[in-house]
Protein backbone atom coordinates (compact mmCIF):
# COMPACT_ATOMS: atom_id res chain seq x y z
CA MET A 1 -162.33 67.29 57.05
CA THR A 2 -158.64 66.57 57.60
CA THR A 3 -157.13 64.46 54.80
CA LYS A 4 -153.75 63.48 56.23
CA THR A 5 -152.89 59.92 55.32
CA LYS A 6 -150.24 59.15 57.91
CA THR A 7 -151.21 56.13 59.96
CA SER A 8 -149.73 53.24 61.86
CA THR A 9 -150.44 49.55 62.10
CA PRO A 10 -153.60 49.12 64.21
CA LEU A 11 -152.79 47.69 67.62
CA ARG A 12 -155.36 45.89 69.68
CA VAL A 13 -154.47 47.16 73.12
CA LYS A 14 -154.71 44.72 76.01
CA THR A 15 -153.23 45.87 79.31
CA SER A 16 -153.80 44.41 82.75
CA VAL A 17 -155.02 46.77 85.45
CA LYS A 18 -152.06 45.83 87.64
CA ALA A 19 -149.47 46.67 84.98
CA ALA A 20 -151.25 49.85 83.97
CA ALA A 21 -151.42 51.12 87.52
CA LYS A 22 -147.66 51.62 87.58
CA ALA A 23 -147.90 54.50 85.10
CA SER A 24 -150.91 56.51 86.25
CA PRO A 25 -153.83 56.64 88.71
CA ALA A 26 -156.16 56.62 85.70
CA LYS A 27 -155.14 53.02 85.05
CA THR A 28 -156.88 51.62 88.09
CA SER A 29 -160.53 50.95 88.75
CA GLY A 30 -160.31 53.71 91.35
CA ALA A 31 -160.05 56.38 88.66
CA ARG A 32 -162.82 58.96 88.74
CA ILE A 33 -164.66 59.03 85.41
CA GLY A 34 -166.90 61.85 84.23
CA PHE A 35 -169.42 61.69 81.39
CA LEU A 36 -170.58 64.54 79.17
CA GLY A 37 -173.63 63.18 77.39
CA LEU A 38 -175.79 60.43 78.90
CA GLY A 39 -177.85 59.39 75.91
CA ILE A 40 -178.14 55.88 74.48
CA MET A 41 -174.38 55.30 74.34
CA GLY A 42 -173.29 57.42 77.31
CA SER A 43 -175.78 55.82 79.68
CA ALA A 44 -174.73 52.30 78.65
CA MET A 45 -171.00 53.02 78.99
CA SER A 46 -171.38 54.75 82.34
CA ALA A 47 -173.47 51.85 83.71
CA ASN A 48 -170.82 49.33 82.67
CA LEU A 49 -168.01 51.38 84.21
CA LEU A 50 -169.95 51.53 87.46
CA LYS A 51 -170.28 47.74 87.37
CA ALA A 52 -166.53 47.52 86.78
CA GLY A 53 -165.86 49.44 89.99
CA PHE A 54 -165.18 52.94 88.71
CA SER A 55 -166.47 56.09 90.37
CA VAL A 56 -168.68 57.79 87.78
CA CYS A 57 -170.35 61.17 87.63
CA GLY A 58 -171.89 62.91 84.64
CA PHE A 59 -173.86 65.73 83.12
CA ASP A 60 -176.59 65.81 80.51
CA PRO A 61 -179.16 68.56 79.92
CA SER A 62 -181.88 65.90 80.18
CA ASP A 63 -183.34 65.43 83.67
CA ALA A 64 -184.29 61.86 82.75
CA ALA A 65 -180.73 61.05 81.68
CA ARG A 66 -179.28 62.33 84.94
CA ALA A 67 -181.89 60.36 86.86
CA ARG A 68 -180.85 57.17 85.02
CA LEU A 69 -177.24 57.73 86.04
CA LYS A 70 -178.24 58.17 89.69
CA LYS A 71 -180.35 55.01 89.58
CA ALA A 72 -177.36 53.10 88.17
CA GLY A 73 -175.22 54.23 91.10
CA GLY A 74 -173.48 57.25 89.57
CA THR A 75 -173.49 60.90 90.60
CA PRO A 76 -175.37 63.40 88.42
CA CYS A 77 -173.71 66.82 88.14
CA THR A 78 -175.25 70.25 87.62
CA SER A 79 -172.89 71.39 84.85
CA MET A 80 -170.01 70.35 82.61
CA GLY A 81 -167.61 72.36 84.75
CA ASP A 82 -168.84 70.50 87.81
CA VAL A 83 -167.90 67.22 86.11
CA ALA A 84 -164.41 68.46 85.20
CA ALA A 85 -163.71 69.53 88.78
CA GLN A 86 -164.36 66.03 90.18
CA VAL A 87 -162.69 63.60 87.78
CA ASP A 88 -159.45 62.30 86.27
CA VAL A 89 -160.92 61.29 82.93
CA ILE A 90 -163.86 62.66 80.94
CA ILE A 91 -165.71 60.62 78.33
CA ALA A 92 -167.76 62.68 75.88
CA SER A 93 -170.64 61.17 73.92
CA LEU A 94 -172.21 64.15 72.18
CA PRO A 95 -174.75 64.64 69.37
CA HIS A 96 -173.13 67.37 67.28
CA ALA A 97 -170.04 69.53 66.78
CA GLN A 98 -171.29 72.57 68.70
CA ALA A 99 -171.91 70.38 71.74
CA LEU A 100 -168.27 69.26 71.62
CA ILE A 101 -166.99 72.83 71.28
CA ASP A 102 -169.19 73.98 74.19
CA ALA A 103 -168.03 71.05 76.30
CA SER A 104 -164.36 71.73 75.48
CA GLN A 105 -164.70 75.38 76.49
CA ALA A 106 -166.41 74.46 79.75
CA VAL A 107 -163.76 71.88 80.61
CA ALA A 108 -160.94 74.27 79.66
CA GLN A 109 -162.43 76.96 81.92
CA SER A 110 -162.29 74.55 84.85
CA GLY A 111 -158.51 75.09 84.82
CA LYS A 112 -157.82 71.47 85.77
CA LYS A 113 -154.56 70.60 84.01
CA GLY A 114 -153.67 67.00 83.28
CA LEU A 115 -157.20 65.90 82.49
CA ILE A 116 -157.71 63.43 79.67
CA VAL A 117 -160.87 63.87 77.60
CA VAL A 118 -162.00 60.92 75.46
CA ASP A 119 -164.32 61.97 72.65
CA THR A 120 -166.37 58.98 71.49
CA SER A 121 -168.68 61.07 69.29
CA THR A 122 -169.02 60.65 65.53
CA LEU A 123 -168.14 64.12 64.23
CA ASP A 124 -166.14 65.83 61.51
CA ILE A 125 -162.40 65.56 62.13
CA ASP A 126 -161.91 69.32 61.71
CA ASP A 127 -164.39 69.96 64.53
CA LYS A 128 -162.50 67.53 66.75
CA VAL A 129 -159.23 69.28 65.93
CA ALA A 130 -160.80 72.61 66.93
CA ALA A 131 -161.82 71.10 70.28
CA GLN A 132 -158.35 69.62 70.70
CA LYS A 133 -156.77 73.08 70.34
CA ILE A 134 -159.12 74.62 72.92
CA LEU A 135 -158.20 71.99 75.49
CA ALA A 136 -154.48 71.87 74.69
CA LYS A 137 -154.12 75.55 75.66
CA GLN A 138 -155.06 74.54 79.21
CA GLY A 139 -152.84 71.45 79.37
CA ILE A 140 -155.72 69.04 78.74
CA THR A 141 -155.36 66.10 76.34
CA LEU A 142 -158.16 65.22 73.93
CA LEU A 143 -158.29 61.73 72.40
CA ASP A 144 -160.32 60.88 69.30
CA CYS A 145 -161.95 57.54 70.17
CA PRO A 146 -165.18 56.85 68.26
CA LEU A 147 -166.95 53.56 68.90
CA SER A 148 -168.11 50.74 66.69
CA GLY A 149 -171.39 49.27 67.91
CA THR A 150 -175.03 50.09 68.52
CA GLY A 151 -176.70 51.15 71.75
CA ALA A 152 -177.81 47.56 72.35
CA GLN A 153 -174.22 46.39 71.88
CA ALA A 154 -173.04 49.09 74.28
CA VAL A 155 -175.26 47.63 77.01
CA ARG A 156 -173.56 44.24 76.51
CA LYS A 157 -170.04 45.76 76.37
CA ASP A 158 -169.92 44.59 72.75
CA LEU A 159 -168.14 47.73 71.54
CA SER A 160 -164.83 48.36 69.79
CA VAL A 161 -162.89 51.56 70.51
CA TYR A 162 -161.07 53.18 67.58
CA SER A 163 -158.55 55.18 69.60
CA SER A 164 -156.23 57.83 68.20
CA GLY A 165 -154.05 60.54 69.68
CA PRO A 166 -151.02 60.43 72.02
CA ALA A 167 -150.10 56.77 72.49
CA LYS A 168 -149.15 57.24 76.14
CA ALA A 169 -152.58 58.62 77.05
CA VAL A 170 -154.36 55.82 75.18
CA GLN A 171 -152.26 53.17 76.93
CA GLN A 172 -152.93 54.84 80.25
CA LEU A 173 -156.67 54.43 79.78
CA ALA A 174 -156.61 50.76 78.77
CA PRO A 175 -158.47 49.58 81.91
CA VAL A 176 -161.11 52.29 81.40
CA PHE A 177 -161.75 51.09 77.85
CA GLU A 178 -161.89 47.51 79.13
CA GLY A 179 -164.62 48.64 81.51
CA PHE A 180 -167.08 49.39 78.71
CA ALA A 181 -165.74 47.77 75.51
CA LYS A 182 -164.57 44.37 74.27
CA ALA A 183 -161.63 45.77 72.29
CA ASN A 184 -159.50 48.88 71.84
CA TYR A 185 -157.71 49.38 68.51
CA TYR A 186 -155.03 52.06 68.60
CA LEU A 187 -154.79 53.70 65.16
CA GLY A 188 -152.10 56.32 65.61
CA GLU A 189 -152.34 60.07 65.20
CA PHE A 190 -155.38 62.09 66.27
CA GLY A 191 -158.20 61.80 63.73
CA ASN A 192 -157.41 58.30 62.52
CA GLY A 193 -160.08 56.94 64.85
CA MET A 194 -162.74 58.93 63.00
CA LYS A 195 -161.40 57.80 59.63
CA MET A 196 -161.82 54.19 60.67
CA LYS A 197 -165.25 54.97 62.13
CA LEU A 198 -166.43 56.41 58.79
CA MET A 199 -165.21 53.27 57.06
CA ALA A 200 -167.09 51.10 59.55
CA ASN A 201 -170.25 53.17 59.19
CA LEU A 202 -170.13 52.92 55.41
CA LEU A 203 -170.32 49.15 55.81
CA VAL A 204 -173.10 49.48 58.39
CA ALA A 205 -175.14 51.65 56.00
CA ILE A 206 -174.91 48.99 53.29
CA HIS A 207 -175.27 45.91 55.48
CA ASN A 208 -178.31 47.32 57.28
CA VAL A 209 -180.19 47.86 54.01
CA SER A 210 -178.99 44.53 52.58
CA THR A 211 -180.32 42.79 55.71
CA ALA A 212 -183.75 44.37 55.21
CA GLU A 213 -183.64 43.49 51.53
CA VAL A 214 -182.84 39.81 52.03
CA LEU A 215 -185.35 39.31 54.87
CA LEU A 216 -188.10 40.91 52.81
CA PHE A 217 -187.10 38.76 49.84
CA GLY A 218 -187.32 35.63 51.97
CA GLU A 219 -190.65 36.64 53.50
CA ARG A 220 -192.20 37.09 50.06
CA PHE A 221 -190.63 33.79 49.03
CA GLY A 222 -192.39 32.03 51.91
CA ILE A 223 -189.35 31.77 54.21
CA ALA A 224 -190.10 32.96 57.76
CA PRO A 225 -187.86 35.95 58.61
CA GLU A 226 -186.83 34.46 61.97
CA VAL A 227 -185.67 31.30 60.18
CA ALA A 228 -183.80 33.37 57.61
CA VAL A 229 -181.92 35.30 60.31
CA LYS A 230 -180.81 32.11 62.04
CA VAL A 231 -179.74 30.26 58.89
CA LEU A 232 -178.14 33.15 57.00
CA ALA A 233 -176.19 34.37 60.05
CA ASP A 234 -174.42 31.01 60.15
CA GLY A 235 -173.37 31.12 56.51
CA ALA A 236 -171.16 33.07 54.11
CA GLY A 237 -173.73 35.83 53.84
CA GLY A 238 -173.79 36.61 57.55
CA SER A 239 -172.98 40.06 58.98
CA ARG A 240 -173.11 41.87 62.30
CA MET A 241 -176.07 43.89 61.05
CA LEU A 242 -177.92 40.67 60.29
CA ASP A 243 -177.16 39.55 63.86
CA VAL A 244 -178.01 42.87 65.52
CA ARG A 245 -180.78 44.35 63.39
CA GLY A 246 -182.20 41.23 61.80
CA PRO A 247 -184.21 40.34 64.94
CA MET A 248 -185.51 43.93 65.16
CA MET A 249 -186.75 43.67 61.58
CA VAL A 250 -188.34 40.29 62.31
CA ASN A 251 -190.18 41.68 65.36
CA GLN A 252 -190.73 45.13 63.83
CA SER A 253 -189.34 46.53 67.09
CA TRP A 254 -187.63 49.52 65.50
CA ASP A 255 -189.47 51.76 67.94
CA GLN A 256 -186.85 50.60 70.50
CA ALA A 257 -184.07 52.68 68.96
CA THR A 258 -180.39 51.90 69.44
CA MET A 259 -179.47 54.25 66.57
CA LYS A 260 -182.14 56.73 65.58
CA VAL A 261 -182.67 57.37 61.88
CA SER A 262 -182.44 61.12 62.53
CA VAL A 263 -179.02 60.72 64.20
CA TRP A 264 -177.86 58.34 61.48
CA GLN A 265 -178.53 61.06 58.87
CA LYS A 266 -175.64 63.03 60.42
CA ASP A 267 -173.33 60.03 60.04
CA MET A 268 -174.43 59.54 56.42
CA LYS A 269 -173.54 63.15 55.63
CA LEU A 270 -170.08 62.75 57.18
CA ILE A 271 -169.42 59.63 55.09
CA GLY A 272 -170.67 61.36 51.94
CA ALA A 273 -168.42 64.37 52.55
CA ALA A 274 -165.38 62.15 53.14
CA LEU A 275 -166.07 60.14 49.99
CA ALA A 276 -166.33 63.33 47.95
CA GLN A 277 -163.16 64.75 49.48
CA THR A 278 -161.16 61.60 48.75
CA HIS A 279 -162.74 61.13 45.29
CA THR A 280 -163.80 57.60 46.21
CA ALA A 281 -166.36 55.78 44.08
CA ALA A 282 -169.01 54.28 46.37
CA PRO A 283 -172.04 53.14 44.34
CA LEU A 284 -173.37 50.78 47.02
CA PHE A 285 -173.33 53.49 49.68
CA ALA A 286 -174.98 55.91 47.25
CA ALA A 287 -177.79 53.41 46.69
CA THR A 288 -178.64 53.38 50.41
CA ILE A 289 -179.06 57.17 50.74
CA PRO A 290 -182.63 57.36 49.35
CA VAL A 291 -183.68 54.45 51.56
CA TYR A 292 -182.67 56.28 54.74
CA ASN A 293 -184.18 59.52 53.41
CA ALA A 294 -187.43 57.65 52.79
CA ALA A 295 -187.34 56.38 56.38
CA MET A 296 -187.37 59.99 57.52
CA GLY A 297 -190.25 60.72 55.15
CA LEU A 298 -192.27 57.79 56.49
CA GLY A 299 -192.04 59.13 60.04
CA HIS A 300 -189.22 56.92 61.35
CA ALA A 301 -186.95 59.78 62.50
CA GLU A 302 -187.03 58.64 66.15
CA ASN A 303 -187.03 54.94 65.29
CA ASP A 304 -184.06 52.62 64.86
CA THR A 305 -182.44 52.33 61.45
CA ALA A 306 -183.88 48.80 61.31
CA ALA A 307 -186.97 50.66 60.04
CA VAL A 308 -185.48 50.50 56.54
CA PHE A 309 -187.29 47.15 56.41
CA ASP A 310 -190.56 49.10 56.52
CA VAL A 311 -189.30 51.41 53.78
CA LEU A 312 -188.54 48.52 51.42
CA SER A 313 -191.88 46.91 52.29
CA HIS A 314 -193.67 50.07 51.13
CA MET A 315 -191.71 49.95 47.86
CA CYS A 316 -193.01 46.47 47.02
CA VAL A 317 -196.23 45.47 45.32
CA PRO A 318 -198.57 44.10 48.03
CA LYS A 319 -198.19 40.32 48.29
CA LYS A 320 -201.81 39.58 47.32
CA ALA A 321 -201.53 41.71 44.21
CA ALA A 322 -198.21 40.10 43.31
CA LYS A 323 -199.73 36.62 43.60
CA ALA A 324 -202.67 37.66 41.47
CA LYS A 325 -200.35 38.83 38.72
CA THR A 326 -198.38 35.58 38.66
CA LYS A 327 -201.57 33.51 38.46
CA ALA A 328 -203.18 35.62 35.72
CA LYS A 329 -203.34 33.85 32.36
CA PRO A 330 -201.97 35.62 29.27
CA LYS A 331 -204.65 37.11 27.05
CA ALA A 332 -205.38 35.37 23.75
CA LYS A 333 -204.07 37.20 20.71
């Protein structure tokens, strides 16, 4: 992973469509947007851009994903090269590094100079740099723009973009970001977006487990979990994970995944590698690792990370047994 420390003051970019249109066609709602990857995040972003008036096409190896795009009003494509040939901007939301490299090669082979590719994936910075070099040889700009927010937040446009790369290209795409996110924070040179994303995910890892811990604590204390979510969210102990995943833990609806445990394992590894590389002490993050590993072991790989509530429940003495122990009288000596 790249360890450069150069950065700039984060800038929350807000640009009107009218002002942006003076610099480039990509600044208007008439820009043609292509998606590579139409999973949980890609499908939500593409749907919101369609609602915002953009022309959207996309490719995903999943027939069901392409069908969802068509139903939303977009145009499914037969290949990544087909997407590149039709658009001004490409947004990539991909599951792993090899997918990004394959996508970059396909887009580069299209020979369409001047394209801007926005990578929103959570991947190692070195892999993103490799993709950047492939595209740069063909006059194509790659931006590193990971997202903060879950799949459910993506549906509501409750996302933050951590953009990094050439400032001009980021500014040019301000209206595009506004079409699927609530905020765009420009962080400077390429790769700084991923650094901020790893920081955000470290907090998510901790806050998700702490949410499960406190709701389980309250439940065993006789406080209804739904009451706990409402009251705690309004106090000093509130967090976005309590807001977003607390209700899923209350309803045990982790089968409706917005971030699968199996996918989250990849993010955990990236954070762990970055912590090791920067020699950063992170005892709280380290404490969450076995909880997520246990979620995999309990069969929650395809479930939402809210399933850590189930993991902690299995680690507790059953409530009836616990009550019996507290009521038991001490033996006479």
